[in-house]
Protein backbone atom coordinates (compact mmCIF):
# COMPACT_ATOMS: atom_id res chain seq x y z
CA MET A 1 187.35 -43.37 -190.76
CA GLU A 2 191.11 -43.28 -191.36
CA GLN A 3 192.41 -45.63 -194.01
CA LYS A 4 195.33 -47.76 -192.78
CA SER A 5 198.41 -48.40 -194.88
CA ASN A 6 200.96 -51.16 -194.41
CA ILE A 7 203.62 -48.96 -195.99
CA GLN A 8 205.72 -46.75 -193.71
CA PRO A 9 207.84 -44.55 -195.98
CA ASN A 10 211.11 -43.39 -194.42
CA LYS A 11 213.33 -40.47 -195.31
CA GLY A 12 215.69 -41.47 -198.12
CA ASP A 13 213.56 -44.36 -199.43
CA PHE A 14 212.95 -44.38 -203.20
CA TYR A 15 209.47 -44.96 -204.61
CA GLN A 16 207.44 -44.74 -207.76
CA PHE A 17 204.19 -42.83 -207.27
CA GLN A 18 201.92 -42.78 -210.30
CA ASN A 19 204.23 -41.64 -213.15
CA TRP A 20 206.95 -40.16 -210.93
CA VAL A 21 210.00 -41.65 -209.25
CA GLY A 22 211.75 -39.96 -206.37
CA TYR A 23 212.85 -40.21 -202.78
CA VAL A 24 211.18 -39.36 -199.50
CA ASP A 25 212.60 -36.07 -198.27
CA PHE A 26 210.23 -35.64 -195.32
CA SER A 27 208.01 -38.11 -193.51
CA SER A 28 205.28 -37.52 -190.94
CA HIS A 29 202.35 -39.51 -189.63
CA ASN A 30 199.95 -37.94 -192.18
CA TYR A 31 202.04 -37.34 -195.30
CA VAL A 32 205.44 -37.55 -196.99
CA THR A 33 207.15 -35.31 -199.51
CA LEU A 34 208.58 -37.15 -202.50
CA CYS A 35 211.42 -35.31 -204.25
CA ILE A 36 210.91 -36.00 -207.96
CA SER A 37 213.47 -33.58 -209.48
CA GLU A 38 216.74 -31.92 -208.49
CA LYS A 39 218.72 -29.42 -210.50
CA GLU A 40 221.88 -27.52 -209.62
CA ASP A 41 221.24 -23.79 -209.39
CA LYS A 42 224.03 -21.61 -208.04
CA GLU A 43 221.61 -18.65 -207.90
CA THR A 44 219.75 -20.23 -204.98
CA LEU A 45 220.75 -20.07 -201.34
CA ILE A 46 221.35 -23.83 -201.08
CA GLY A 47 222.79 -24.31 -204.59
CA TYR A 48 220.03 -26.45 -206.09
CA ARG A 49 216.30 -26.57 -206.77
CA GLN A 50 213.92 -29.42 -205.99
CA VAL A 51 210.42 -30.34 -207.05
CA LYS A 52 208.44 -32.28 -204.46
CA LEU A 53 205.09 -34.04 -204.38
CA LEU A 54 202.95 -34.18 -201.29
CA VAL A 55 201.69 -37.74 -200.80
CA PHE A 56 199.01 -38.12 -198.14
CA ARG A 57 198.74 -41.24 -195.99
CA GLU A 58 195.62 -42.33 -197.88
CA GLU A 59 197.78 -42.56 -201.03
CA TRP A 60 200.68 -44.53 -199.54
CA GLU A 61 199.33 -47.79 -200.95
CA GLN A 62 200.21 -46.35 -204.39
CA LEU A 63 203.89 -46.02 -203.43
CA LYS A 64 205.92 -48.76 -205.10
CA PRO A 65 209.48 -49.28 -203.81
CA VAL A 66 212.20 -48.97 -206.46
CA ASN A 67 215.91 -49.79 -206.44
CA LYS A 68 217.78 -46.78 -205.05
CA LYS A 69 220.90 -47.62 -207.09
CA GLU A 70 218.95 -47.19 -210.35
CA TYR A 71 217.87 -43.63 -209.53
CA ALA A 72 220.34 -42.21 -206.99
CA GLU A 73 222.51 -40.61 -209.67
CA GLN A 74 219.54 -38.46 -210.77
CA PHE A 75 219.20 -37.26 -207.17
CA PRO A 76 222.68 -36.37 -205.88
CA HIS A 77 221.30 -34.76 -202.71
CA SER A 78 219.61 -38.01 -201.67
CA LYS A 79 223.08 -39.28 -200.73
CA LYS A 80 223.13 -36.84 -197.82
CA LEU A 81 220.15 -38.58 -196.17
């Protein structure tokens, strides 16, 4: 039986998940990817590297909304969303 969640994470929303804080970079019916780290890297094709967590729908209840203004500076590419 599928567990229902009242949370509907949207691309660009900031959340705390367990010990990590980041923003939703991709959202689908079954999971979201939470970007928890961004670093400039001119050696890469897009100019930066990201670390993302896969958060399944069953775990969405653990997502706690946080104030985007407090964390946006750590994630400069979130501004493009």
